[in-house]
C-alpha atoms as a PDB file:
ATOM      1  CA  MET A   1      10.475  13.534 -29.556  1.00  0.00           C
ATOM      2  CA  ALA A   2       9.462  13.045 -25.978  1.00  0.00           C
ATOM      3  CA  PRO A   3      11.092  10.613 -23.599  1.00  0.00           C
ATOM      4  CA  VAL A   4       9.267   7.157 -23.177  1.00  0.00           C
ATOM      5  CA  LEU A   5       8.179   5.578 -20.050  1.00  0.00           C
ATOM      6  CA  TYR A   6       7.522   1.695 -20.452  1.00  0.00           C
ATOM      7  CA  MET A   7       5.010   0.886 -17.820  1.00  0.00           C
ATOM      8  CA  ILE A   8       1.967  -1.200 -16.425  1.00  0.00           C
ATOM      9  CA  PRO A   9      -0.804   1.231 -14.538  1.00  0.00           C
ATOM     10  CA  TYR A  10      -0.942  -1.348 -11.806  1.00  0.00           C
ATOM     11  CA  SER A  11       2.532  -1.586 -10.970  1.00  0.00           C
ATOM     12  CA  GLN A  12       3.695   0.112  -7.478  1.00  0.00           C
ATOM     13  CA  PRO A  13       6.738   1.580  -9.045  1.00  0.00           C
ATOM     14  CA  VAL A  14       4.883   2.958 -11.990  1.00  0.00           C
ATOM     15  CA  ARG A  15       2.215   4.494  -9.894  1.00  0.00           C
ATOM     16  CA  ALA A  16       4.884   6.357  -7.977  1.00  0.00           C
ATOM     17  CA  THR A  17       6.815   7.347 -11.132  1.00  0.00           C
ATOM     18  CA  LEU A  18       3.542   8.283 -12.720  1.00  0.00           C
ATOM     19  CA  MET A  19       2.955  10.688  -9.732  1.00  0.00           C
ATOM     20  CA  THR A  20       6.355  12.319 -10.037  1.00  0.00           C
ATOM     21  CA  ILE A  21       5.785  12.753 -13.869  1.00  0.00           C
ATOM     22  CA  LYS A  22       2.449  14.375 -13.375  1.00  0.00           C
ATOM     23  CA  ALA A  23       3.781  16.848 -10.578  1.00  0.00           C
ATOM     24  CA  LEU A  24       6.460  17.868 -12.630  1.00  0.00           C
ATOM     25  CA  ASN A  25       4.148  18.253 -15.800  1.00  0.00           C
ATOM     26  CA  ILE A  26       6.324  16.637 -18.083  1.00  0.00           C
ATOM     27  CA  ASP A  27       5.716  15.638 -21.266  1.00  0.00           C
ATOM     28  CA  ILE A  28       6.296  11.757 -21.678  1.00  0.00           C
ATOM     29  CA  GLU A  29       5.066   9.230 -24.046  1.00  0.00           C
ATOM     30  CA  LEU A  30       3.655   6.039 -22.088  1.00  0.00           C
ATOM     31  CA  LYS A  31       4.092   2.665 -23.517  1.00  0.00           C
ATOM     32  CA  GLU A  32       2.570  -0.227 -21.664  1.00  0.00           C
ATOM     33  CA  ILE A  33       4.331  -3.506 -21.148  1.00  0.00           C
ATOM     34  CA  ASN A  34       1.782  -6.410 -20.451  1.00  0.00           C
ATOM     35  CA  LEU A  35       3.838  -8.345 -17.835  1.00  0.00           C
ATOM     36  CA  LEU A  36       0.761 -11.089 -17.965  1.00  0.00           C
ATOM     37  CA  GLU A  37       1.809 -11.734 -21.504  1.00  0.00           C
ATOM     38  CA  LYS A  38       5.756 -11.694 -20.718  1.00  0.00           C
ATOM     39  CA  GLN A  39       6.097  -8.775 -22.750  1.00  0.00           C
ATOM     40  CA  GLN A  40       8.861  -7.538 -20.559  1.00  0.00           C
ATOM     41  CA  PHE A  41      11.229 -10.453 -21.716  1.00  0.00           C
ATOM     42  CA  SER A  42      11.025  -9.458 -25.454  1.00  0.00           C
ATOM     43  CA  SER A  43      14.422  -8.566 -26.939  1.00  0.00           C
ATOM     44  CA  ASP A  44      13.135  -4.908 -27.597  1.00  0.00           C
ATOM     45  CA  TYR A  45      12.649  -4.304 -24.414  1.00  0.00           C
ATOM     46  CA  THR A  46      15.485  -6.199 -22.486  1.00  0.00           C
ATOM     47  CA  LYS A  47      17.753  -4.224 -24.872  1.00  0.00           C
ATOM     48  CA  HIS A  48      16.767  -1.126 -22.794  1.00  0.00           C
ATOM     49  CA  ASN A  49      16.319  -2.938 -19.596  1.00  0.00           C
ATOM     50  CA  PRO A  50      18.051  -6.402 -19.194  1.00  0.00           C
ATOM     51  CA  GLN A  51      16.447  -6.937 -15.488  1.00  0.00           C
ATOM     52  CA  HIS A  52      13.118  -6.834 -17.610  1.00  0.00           C
ATOM     53  CA  THR A  53      11.127  -4.760 -14.807  1.00  0.00           C
ATOM     54  CA  VAL A  54       8.912  -1.956 -15.123  1.00  0.00           C
ATOM     55  CA  PRO A  55       9.067   0.916 -15.140  1.00  0.00           C
ATOM     56  CA  THR A  56      11.814   1.999 -17.599  1.00  0.00           C
ATOM     57  CA  LEU A  57      12.650   5.393 -18.873  1.00  0.00           C
ATOM     58  CA  VAL A  58      14.130   5.701 -22.377  1.00  0.00           C
ATOM     59  CA  GLU A  59      15.316   9.294 -23.344  1.00  0.00           C
ATOM     60  CA  GLU A  60      15.431  10.686 -27.025  1.00  0.00           C
ATOM     61  CA  ASP A  61      19.078   9.960 -27.183  1.00  0.00           C
ATOM     62  CA  GLY A  62      18.709   6.121 -26.305  1.00  0.00           C
ATOM     63  CA  PHE A  63      19.646   6.590 -22.545  1.00  0.00           C
ATOM     64  CA  SER A  64      17.957   4.322 -20.370  1.00  0.00           C
ATOM     65  CA  LEU A  65      17.014   4.141 -16.643  1.00  0.00           C
ATOM     66  CA  TRP A  66      15.135   1.679 -14.669  1.00  0.00           C
ATOM     67  CA  ASP A  67      13.567   1.240 -10.975  1.00  0.00           C
ATOM     68  CA  SER A  68      11.251   4.028  -9.847  1.00  0.00           C
ATOM     69  CA  HIS A  69      13.743   4.783  -6.816  1.00  0.00           C
ATOM     70  CA  ALA A  70      16.461   6.145  -9.496  1.00  0.00           C
ATOM     71  CA  ILE A  71      14.016   7.401 -12.397  1.00  0.00           C
ATOM     72  CA  MET A  72      12.050  10.077  -9.504  1.00  0.00           C
ATOM     73  CA  PRO A  73      15.342  11.668  -8.353  1.00  0.00           C
ATOM     74  CA  TYR A  74      16.331  11.839 -12.059  1.00  0.00           C
ATOM     75  CA  LEU A  75      13.256  13.627 -13.409  1.00  0.00           C
ATOM     76  CA  VAL A  76      13.138  16.002 -10.438  1.00  0.00           C
ATOM     77  CA  GLU A  77      16.742  17.059 -11.070  1.00  0.00           C
ATOM     78  CA  LYS A  78      16.376  17.333 -14.808  1.00  0.00           C
ATOM     79  CA  TYR A  79      12.947  18.616 -14.957  1.00  0.00           C
ATOM     80  CA  GLY A  80      11.959  20.191 -11.657  1.00  0.00           C
ATOM     81  CA  LYS A  81      11.506  23.996 -11.420  1.00  0.00           C
ATOM     82  CA  ASP A  82      12.946  23.790  -7.733  1.00  0.00           C
ATOM     83  CA  ASP A  83      14.291  21.294  -5.684  1.00  0.00           C
ATOM     84  CA  SER A  84      11.268  20.723  -3.338  1.00  0.00           C
ATOM     85  CA  LEU A  85      10.261  17.244  -4.258  1.00  0.00           C
ATOM     86  CA  TYR A  86      13.926  16.067  -3.794  1.00  0.00           C
ATOM     87  CA  PRO A  87      15.902  18.796  -1.598  1.00  0.00           C
ATOM     88  CA  ARG A  88      19.439  19.336  -2.099  1.00  0.00           C
ATOM     89  CA  ASP A  89      19.763  20.063   1.340  1.00  0.00           C
ATOM     90  CA  LEU A  90      22.113  17.278   2.609  1.00  0.00           C
ATOM     91  CA  ARG A  91      20.162  16.322   5.564  1.00  0.00           C
ATOM     92  CA  LYS A  92      16.666  16.703   4.038  1.00  0.00           C
ATOM     93  CA  ARG A  93      17.792  14.663   1.082  1.00  0.00           C
ATOM     94  CA  ALA A  94      19.033  11.820   3.235  1.00  0.00           C
ATOM     95  CA  ILE A  95      15.739  11.606   5.087  1.00  0.00           C
ATOM     96  CA  VAL A  96      14.134  11.241   1.594  1.00  0.00           C
ATOM     97  CA  ASN A  97      16.567   8.454   0.542  1.00  0.00           C
ATOM     98  CA  GLN A  98      15.963   6.696   3.584  1.00  0.00           C
ATOM     99  CA  ARG A  99      12.299   6.705   3.165  1.00  0.00           C
ATOM    100  CA  LEU A 100      12.814   5.387  -0.318  1.00  0.00           C
ATOM    101  CA  HIS A 101      15.096   2.815   0.716  1.00  0.00           C
ATOM    102  CA  PHE A 102      12.581   1.667   3.627  1.00  0.00           C
ATOM    103  CA  GLU A 103      10.004   1.612   0.768  1.00  0.00           C
ATOM    104  CA  ASN A 104      11.974  -0.511  -1.452  1.00  0.00           C
ATOM    105  CA  GLY A 105      13.769  -2.912   1.227  1.00  0.00           C
ATOM    106  CA  VAL A 106      10.666  -3.199   3.574  1.00  0.00           C
ATOM    107  CA  LEU A 107       7.371  -2.250   2.160  1.00  0.00           C
ATOM    108  CA  PHE A 108       7.311  -3.403  -1.318  1.00  0.00           C
ATOM    109  CA  PRO A 109       8.992  -6.854  -0.694  1.00  0.00           C
ATOM    110  CA  SER A 110       6.285  -7.258   2.393  1.00  0.00           C
ATOM    111  CA  THR A 111       3.468  -6.627  -0.218  1.00  0.00           C
ATOM    112  CA  MET A 112       4.793  -8.728  -3.101  1.00  0.00           C
ATOM    113  CA  ALA A 113       4.984 -11.463  -0.564  1.00  0.00           C
ATOM    114  CA  ILE A 114       1.279 -11.516  -0.134  1.00  0.00           C
ATOM    115  CA  ILE A 115       0.548 -10.189  -3.530  1.00  0.00           C
ATOM    116  CA  ARG A 116       2.523 -12.450  -5.811  1.00  0.00           C
ATOM    117  CA  PRO A 117       1.208 -15.817  -4.172  1.00  0.00           C
ATOM    118  CA  ILE A 118      -2.577 -14.331  -4.819  1.00  0.00           C
ATOM    119  CA  ILE A 119      -2.139 -13.518  -8.082  1.00  0.00           C
ATOM    120  CA  TYR A 120       0.137 -16.193  -9.473  1.00  0.00           C
ATOM    121  CA  GLY A 121       0.079 -19.486  -7.298  1.00  0.00           C
ATOM    122  CA  GLY A 122      -3.651 -19.535  -6.662  1.00  0.00           C
ATOM    123  CA  VAL A 123      -3.153 -18.794  -2.872  1.00  0.00           C
ATOM    124  CA  LYS A 124      -6.744 -17.933  -1.049  1.00  0.00           C
ATOM    125  CA  SER A 125      -5.622 -17.097   2.266  1.00  0.00           C
ATOM    126  CA  ILE A 126      -2.714 -14.783   3.808  1.00  0.00           C
ATOM    127  CA  PRO A 127      -0.532 -16.343   6.159  1.00  0.00           C
ATOM    128  CA  GLU A 128      -0.516 -14.950   9.646  1.00  0.00           C
ATOM    129  CA  ASP A 129       3.326 -14.278   9.612  1.00  0.00           C
ATOM    130  CA  LYS A 130       3.042 -12.195   6.484  1.00  0.00           C
ATOM    131  CA  ILE A 131       0.239 -10.078   8.074  1.00  0.00           C
ATOM    132  CA  ALA A 132       2.759  -9.771  10.945  1.00  0.00           C
ATOM    133  CA  ASP A 133       5.324  -8.337   8.532  1.00  0.00           C
ATOM    134  CA  ILE A 134       3.010  -5.751   6.880  1.00  0.00           C
ATOM    135  CA  LYS A 135       1.531  -4.631  10.787  1.00  0.00           C
ATOM    136  CA  GLU A 136       5.421  -4.405  11.580  1.00  0.00           C
ATOM    137  CA  ALA A 137       5.958  -2.079   8.585  1.00  0.00           C
ATOM    138  CA  TYR A 138       2.702  -0.077   9.388  1.00  0.00           C
ATOM    139  CA  GLY A 139       4.195   0.751  12.661  1.00  0.00           C
ATOM    140  CA  PHE A 140       7.664   1.839  11.429  1.00  0.00           C
ATOM    141  CA  LEU A 141       5.957   4.400   8.973  1.00  0.00           C
ATOM    142  CA  GLU A 142       3.536   5.493  12.028  1.00  0.00           C
ATOM    143  CA  LYS A 143       6.690   6.429  13.811  1.00  0.00           C
ATOM    144  CA  PHE A 144       8.019   8.212  11.043  1.00  0.00           C
ATOM    145  CA  LEU A 145       5.098  10.146  10.859  1.00  0.00           C
ATOM    146  CA  GLU A 146       5.040  11.463  14.027  1.00  0.00           C
ATOM    147  CA  GLY A 147       4.944  15.249  14.464  1.00  0.00           C
ATOM    148  CA  LYS A 148       4.976  15.353  10.410  1.00  0.00           C
ATOM    149  CA  ASP A 149       2.657  15.831   7.612  1.00  0.00           C
ATOM    150  CA  TRP A 150       4.531  13.788   5.273  1.00  0.00           C
ATOM    151  CA  VAL A 151       6.910  11.022   5.398  1.00  0.00           C
ATOM    152  CA  ALA A 152      10.088  12.847   5.084  1.00  0.00           C
ATOM    153  CA  GLY A 153       9.208  16.229   6.741  1.00  0.00           C
ATOM    154  CA  LYS A 154       7.094  19.112   6.455  1.00  0.00           C
ATOM    155  CA  SER A 155       6.427  19.213   2.510  1.00  0.00           C
ATOM    156  CA  VAL A 156       5.618  16.417   0.142  1.00  0.00           C
ATOM    157  CA  THR A 157       8.481  14.638  -1.477  1.00  0.00           C
ATOM    158  CA  ILE A 158       9.327  11.730  -4.119  1.00  0.00           C
ATOM    159  CA  ALA A 159       9.324   9.657  -0.868  1.00  0.00           C
ATOM    160  CA  ASP A 160       5.585  10.281  -0.209  1.00  0.00           C
ATOM    161  CA  PHE A 161       4.893   8.894  -3.862  1.00  0.00           C
ATOM    162  CA  SER A 162       6.677   5.885  -3.384  1.00  0.00           C
ATOM    163  CA  ILE A 163       5.314   4.915   0.100  1.00  0.00           C
ATOM    164  CA  ILE A 164       1.874   5.720  -0.884  1.00  0.00           C
ATOM    165  CA  SER A 165       1.981   3.427  -3.844  1.00  0.00           C
ATOM    166  CA  SER A 166       2.908   0.451  -1.625  1.00  0.00           C
ATOM    167  CA  ILE A 167       0.554   1.352   1.358  1.00  0.00           C
ATOM    168  CA  THR A 168      -2.345   1.845  -0.672  1.00  0.00           C
ATOM    169  CA  THR A 169      -1.859  -1.632  -1.914  1.00  0.00           C
ATOM    170  CA  MET A 170      -1.159  -3.261   1.338  1.00  0.00           C
ATOM    171  CA  ASN A 171      -4.262  -1.885   2.622  1.00  0.00           C
ATOM    172  CA  VAL A 172      -6.292  -3.670   0.118  1.00  0.00           C
ATOM    173  CA  VAL A 173      -5.220  -7.134   1.831  1.00  0.00           C
ATOM    174  CA  VAL A 174      -4.267  -5.804   5.235  1.00  0.00           C
ATOM    175  CA  PRO A 175      -6.448  -2.690   6.075  1.00  0.00           C
ATOM    176  CA  VAL A 176      -5.141   0.070   8.131  1.00  0.00           C
ATOM    177  CA  ASP A 177      -6.705   0.240  11.438  1.00  0.00           C
ATOM    178  CA  PRO A 178      -7.185   4.038  12.194  1.00  0.00           C
ATOM    179  CA  VAL A 179      -7.338   3.248  15.872  1.00  0.00           C
ATOM    180  CA  GLU A 180      -3.720   1.621  15.784  1.00  0.00           C
ATOM    181  CA  TYR A 181      -2.396   3.856  13.007  1.00  0.00           C
ATOM    182  CA  PRO A 182      -3.908   7.493  13.113  1.00  0.00           C
ATOM    183  CA  ASN A 183      -1.077   9.099  11.764  1.00  0.00           C
ATOM    184  CA  ILE A 184      -0.800   6.867   8.504  1.00  0.00           C
ATOM    185  CA  THR A 185      -4.737   7.179   8.395  1.00  0.00           C
ATOM    186  CA  THR A 186      -4.272  11.202   8.269  1.00  0.00           C
ATOM    187  CA  TRP A 187      -1.373  11.164   5.805  1.00  0.00           C
ATOM    188  CA  ILE A 188      -3.243   8.956   3.541  1.00  0.00           C
ATOM    189  CA  LYS A 189      -6.238  11.303   3.357  1.00  0.00           C
ATOM    190  CA  MET A 190      -3.829  14.092   2.621  1.00  0.00           C
ATOM    191  CA  VAL A 191      -1.989  12.371  -0.308  1.00  0.00           C
ATOM    192  CA  GLU A 192      -5.345  11.397  -1.564  1.00  0.00           C
ATOM    193  CA  GLN A 193      -6.124  15.241  -1.905  1.00  0.00           C
ATOM    194  CA  LEU A 194      -3.196  15.916  -3.961  1.00  0.00           C
ATOM    195  CA  PRO A 195      -3.742  17.004  -7.591  1.00  0.00           C
ATOM    196  CA  TYR A 196      -1.797  14.227  -9.121  1.00  0.00           C
ATOM    197  CA  TYR A 197      -2.765  11.245  -6.963  1.00  0.00           C
ATOM    198  CA  ASP A 198      -5.619   9.888  -9.539  1.00  0.00           C
ATOM    199  CA  VAL A 199      -2.668   8.257 -11.285  1.00  0.00           C
ATOM    200  CA  ASN A 200      -2.228   6.115  -8.412  1.00  0.00           C
ATOM    201  CA  LYS A 201      -5.767   5.372  -7.845  1.00  0.00           C
ATOM    202  CA  THR A 202      -6.007   4.318 -11.359  1.00  0.00           C
ATOM    203  CA  GLY A 203      -3.771   1.626 -11.218  1.00  0.00           C
ATOM    204  CA  LEU A 204      -4.503   0.744  -7.416  1.00  0.00           C
ATOM    205  CA  ASP A 205      -8.264  -0.094  -8.746  1.00  0.00           C
ATOM    206  CA  GLN A 206      -6.870  -2.365 -11.267  1.00  0.00           C
ATOM    207  CA  ILE A 207      -4.702  -4.430  -9.119  1.00  0.00           C
ATOM    208  CA  LYS A 208      -7.336  -4.360  -6.379  1.00  0.00           C
ATOM    209  CA  LYS A 209      -9.858  -5.745  -9.178  1.00  0.00           C
ATOM    210  CA  ILE A 210      -7.240  -8.322  -9.961  1.00  0.00           C
ATOM    211  CA  ILE A 211      -6.900  -9.500  -6.395  1.00  0.00           C
ATOM    212  CA  GLU A 212     -10.481  -9.443  -5.518  1.00  0.00           C
ATOM    213  CA  GLU A 213     -11.025 -11.785  -8.836  1.00  0.00           C
ATOM    214  CA  LYS A 214      -8.629 -14.077  -7.381  1.00  0.00           C
ATOM    215  CA  LEU A 215      -9.720 -14.234  -3.730  1.00  0.00           C
ATOM    216  CA  LYS A 216     -13.440 -14.291  -4.792  1.00  0.00           C
ATOM    217  CA  ARG A 217     -13.073 -18.056  -5.621  1.00  0.00           C
ATOM    218  CA  SER A 218     -12.816 -18.924  -2.004  1.00  0.00           C
ATOM    219  CA  GLU A 219     -16.142 -20.089  -0.852  1.00  0.00           C
ATOM    220  CA  ILE A 220     -17.479 -19.705   2.665  1.00  0.00           C
ATOM    221  CA  ARG A 221     -16.897 -22.922   4.832  1.00  0.00           C
ATOM    222  CA  LYS A 222     -18.799 -23.664   7.769  1.00  0.00           C
ATOM    223  CA  THR A 223     -18.565 -26.285  10.496  1.00  0.00           C
ATOM    224  CA  ARG A 224     -21.017 -27.574  12.678  1.00  0.00           C
ATOM    225  CA  THR A 225     -20.301 -26.690  16.403  1.00  0.00           C
ATOM    226  CA  LEU A 226     -22.935 -27.370  19.216  1.00  0.00           C
ATOM    227  CA  ASP A 227     -25.838 -26.916  16.742  1.00  0.00           C
ATOM    228  CA  LYS A 228     -24.557 -23.591  15.580  1.00  0.00           C
ATOM    229  CA  TYR A 229     -22.648 -22.736  12.555  1.00  0.00           C
ATOM    230  CA  ARG A 230     -19.044 -21.288  12.827  1.00  0.00           C
ATOM    231  CA  ILE A 231     -18.727 -18.805  10.110  1.00  0.00           C
ATOM    232  CA  VAL A 232     -15.536 -18.800   8.450  1.00  0.00           C
ATOM    233  CA  TYR A 233     -15.248 -15.791   6.020  1.00  0.00           C
ATOM    234  CA  THR A 234     -12.930 -15.402   3.024  1.00  0.00           C
ATOM    235  CA  GLU A 235     -10.065 -13.186   2.794  1.00  0.00           C
ATOM    236  CA  LEU A 236     -11.910 -11.001   0.107  1.00  0.00           C
ATOM    237  CA  GLN A 237     -15.311 -10.511   2.522  1.00  0.00           C
ATOM    238  CA  ARG A 238     -12.993 -10.007   5.556  1.00  0.00           C
ATOM    239  CA  VAL A 239     -11.039  -6.986   3.695  1.00  0.00           C
ATOM    240  CA  GLN A 240     -14.675  -5.612   2.438  1.00  0.00           C
ATOM    241  CA  LEU A 241     -16.105  -5.852   5.664  1.00  0.00           C
ATOM    242  CA  GLU A 242     -12.971  -4.143   7.492  1.00  0.00           C
ATOM    243  CA  LYS A 243     -13.087  -1.224   5.032  1.00  0.00           C
ATOM    244  CA  GLU A 244     -16.996  -0.781   5.537  1.00  0.00           C
ATOM    245  CA  PHE A 245     -16.185  -0.786   9.445  1.00  0.00           C
ATOM    246  CA  ILE A 246     -13.372   1.529   9.321  1.00  0.00           C
ATOM    247  CA  PHE A 247     -14.343   4.118   6.522  1.00  0.00           C
ATOM    248  CA  HIS A 248     -18.203   4.113   6.939  1.00  0.00           C
ATOM    249  CA  SER A 249     -19.944   3.016  10.084  1.00  0.00           C
ATOM    250  CA  LYS A 250     -19.207   0.712  13.007  1.00  0.00           C
ATOM    251  CA  TYR A 251     -23.181   0.293  13.333  1.00  0.00           C
ATOM    252  CA  ILE A 252     -24.303  -0.867   9.847  1.00  0.00           C
ATOM    253  CA  THR A 253     -27.659   0.057   8.836  1.00  0.00           C
ATOM    254  CA  THR A 254     -30.387  -2.547   7.687  1.00  0.00           C
ATOM    255  CA  GLU A 255     -30.348  -1.024   4.015  1.00  0.00           C
ATOM    256  CA  ARG A 256     -26.481  -1.382   3.763  1.00  0.00           C
ATOM    257  CA  LYS A 257     -26.536  -4.857   5.339  1.00  0.00           C
ATOM    258  CA  ALA A 258     -28.691  -5.945   2.474  1.00  0.00           C
ATOM    259  CA  GLU A 259     -26.574  -4.541  -0.124  1.00  0.00           C
ATOM    260  CA  LEU A 260     -23.459  -6.010   1.359  1.00  0.00           C
ATOM    261  CA  ALA A 261     -24.902  -9.413   1.736  1.00  0.00           C
ATOM    262  CA  ALA A 262     -25.605  -9.232  -2.059  1.00  0.00           C
ATOM    263  CA  GLU A 263     -22.217  -8.083  -2.921  1.00  0.00           C
ATOM    264  CA  LEU A 264     -20.140 -10.382  -0.796  1.00  0.00           C
ATOM    265  CA  GLY A 265     -22.426 -13.748  -0.943  1.00  0.00           C
ATOM    266  CA  LEU A 266     -23.137 -13.572   2.890  1.00  0.00           C
ATOM    267  CA  SER A 267     -26.600 -13.563   4.584  1.00  0.00           C
ATOM    268  CA  GLN A 268     -27.775 -10.650   6.510  1.00  0.00           C
ATOM    269  CA  ARG A 269     -27.277 -12.296   9.906  1.00  0.00           C
ATOM    270  CA  GLN A 270     -23.661 -12.956   8.889  1.00  0.00           C
ATOM    271  CA  ILE A 271     -22.673  -9.439   8.476  1.00  0.00           C
ATOM    272  CA  LYS A 272     -24.418  -8.603  11.853  1.00  0.00           C
ATOM    273  CA  ILE A 273     -22.672 -11.157  13.503  1.00  0.00           C
ATOM    274  CA  TRP A 274     -19.018  -9.795  12.005  1.00  0.00           C
ATOM    275  CA  PHE A 275     -19.996  -6.288  13.006  1.00  0.00           C
ATOM    276  CA  GLN A 276     -20.832  -7.457  16.429  1.00  0.00           C
ATOM    277  CA  ASN A 277     -17.554  -9.304  16.786  1.00  0.00           C
ATOM    278  CA  ARG A 278     -15.484  -6.474  15.153  1.00  0.00           C
ATOM    279  CA  ARG A 279     -16.785  -3.871  17.691  1.00  0.00           C
ATOM    280  CA  ALA A 280     -16.211  -6.096  20.706  1.00  0.00           C
ATOM    281  CA  LYS A 281     -12.230  -6.603  19.126  1.00  0.00           C
ATOM    282  CA  GLU A 282     -12.133  -2.486  18.919  1.00  0.00           C
ATOM    283  CA  ARG A 283     -13.357  -2.183  22.621  1.00  0.00           C
ATOM    284  CA  LYS A 284     -10.752  -4.538  23.726  1.00  0.00           C
ATOM    285  CA  GLN A 285      -7.951  -3.036  21.868  1.00  0.00           C
ATOM    286  CA  ASN A 286      -9.004   0.618  23.039  1.00  0.00           C
ATOM    287  CA  LYS A 287      -9.266  -0.722  26.883  1.00  0.00           C
ATOM    288  CA  ARG A 288      -5.588  -2.198  26.332  1.00  0.00           C
ATOM    289  CA  HIS A 289      -4.258   1.053  25.013  1.00  0.00           C
ATOM    290  CA  VAL A 290      -5.851   2.904  28.077  1.00  0.00           C
ATOM    291  CA  GLU A 291      -3.953   0.202  30.442  1.00  0.00           C
ATOM    292  CA  GLU A 292      -0.753   0.394  28.173  1.00  0.00           C
ATOM    293  CA  LYS A 293      -0.760   4.268  28.839  1.00  0.00           C
ATOM    294  CA  ASN A 294      -1.649   4.170  32.645  1.00  0.00           C
ATOM    295  CA  LEU A 295       1.692   1.936  33.000  1.00  0.00           C
ATOM    296  CA  VAL A 296       3.980   4.282  31.345  1.00  0.00           C
ATOM    297  CA  ASN A 297       4.611   6.178  34.654  1.00  0.00           C
ATOM    298  CA  ASP A 298       5.298   2.892  36.556  1.00  0.00           C
ATOM    299  CA  CYS A 299       8.088   1.554  34.144  1.00  0.00           C
ATOM    300  CA  ASP A 300      11.164   2.501  32.537  1.00  0.00           C
ATOM    301  CA  PRO A 301      11.250   0.282  29.549  1.00  0.00           C
ATOM    302  CA  LEU A 302      14.408  -0.090  26.992  1.00  0.00           C
ATOM    303  CA  GLN A 303      13.805   1.974  24.063  1.00  0.00           C
ATOM    304  CA  THR A 304      14.716   1.113  20.433  1.00  0.00           C
ATOM    305  CA  ASP A 305      13.560   2.111  17.114  1.00  0.00           C
ATOM    306  CA  GLY A 306      13.913  -1.151  15.473  1.00  0.00           C
ATOM    307  CA  SER A 307      16.562   0.008  12.710  1.00  0.00           C
ATOM    308  CA  GLU A 308      18.849  -2.805  13.826  1.00  0.00           C
ATOM    309  CA  LEU A 309      16.602  -5.107  12.339  1.00  0.00           C
ATOM    310  CA  PHE A 310      17.063  -3.924   9.079  1.00  0.00           C
ATOM    311  CA  GLY A 311      20.254  -3.205   6.591  1.00  0.00           C
ATOM    312  CA  SER A 312      20.484  -0.878   3.863  1.00  0.00           C
ATOM    313  CA  SER A 313      19.087  -1.881   0.600  1.00  0.00           C
END
C-alpha cells in the first residue's frame, strides 16, 4: 500500500511537494481535497491534520505529516538516492533551510495577501502596498540568485520547488519585469525546463484561471477629460498586456492587436495606447538605471541586505 498525499493541484505548497515526489520518482497515491467545498474540515481529514491544511502525507502505518516544508525534506531523506535535493552538508543544508523559511515567511504570505481577497472577497484590484510587498520580495530573490543558477547554490534543491510555486503564482498578478529582475527571469526559464516542472504548471494554470475569472468581472471605466477618454484598465487586462509586452513583443503587430482586443474586450486603439505608454515607461526605467550606475563611483552608500526586516519563521 502506497503512502497517500491529500492535496489540491492549484495549491502552492502542494505543487512544490508534487515536484519533489516526481523528482524522486516515488509511488504515492494522490487524493484531492476540495477546499472550496470545505472537505478539509471533515473529521476523516482532521484526524490526520488538525490544522486542516494541504498537503498532508499519510504513511502506510498511519504516520501523518503536513506542511510542504516538512514533507519535502522527509521525502528526500526517506526516498532519495542521494542528498542533492536536500544536502547533508551542514552549510549547504542551512542555505536550503533559509530559502524554505523565506518562501514560508515572505513569499507565501505576500501572495496570499493578494490572492485570498480576489478569490474569496470579491476584490477587483490590487492595493499598491501589496504590490510593493511583492516587488520587495522579488528584490530579495534577485539578490539571492546573483552568481548562482539555483536559489540555494549550484544545483537544484527542494528550495527551488518551494519558491517556484510562489513566484509563478505571484507572476500571475504582479508580472516579473525582466529588466528589473534578470536573474529571476533566467531562473524561471531554467526551472521550466526541469522534467518534473509540468506538475507545477498544471496547478498554476488552474489557479490562474480562477483568478482571471474573478477579475474579469471588472469592467473598463472611462472618465471624460478634455474631450478625450482616460482609459482605466482592469487588473486582468493589465496583467495580460504586461505578459504580452515582456514575453512576446514590445511592438505589437496589427494581427496580434486584433486578437488581444477580442480576448480582453478592448479596442485596438486602447491596446496601442497601452503599448506606447509601456515603452515610454521602460525607457525611463533604463535611463534611471544608467544614471544610478554612473553615480556609484561618486558616493559611498551604507550597505544592508535587509535581513533585519524579517525574523525567522
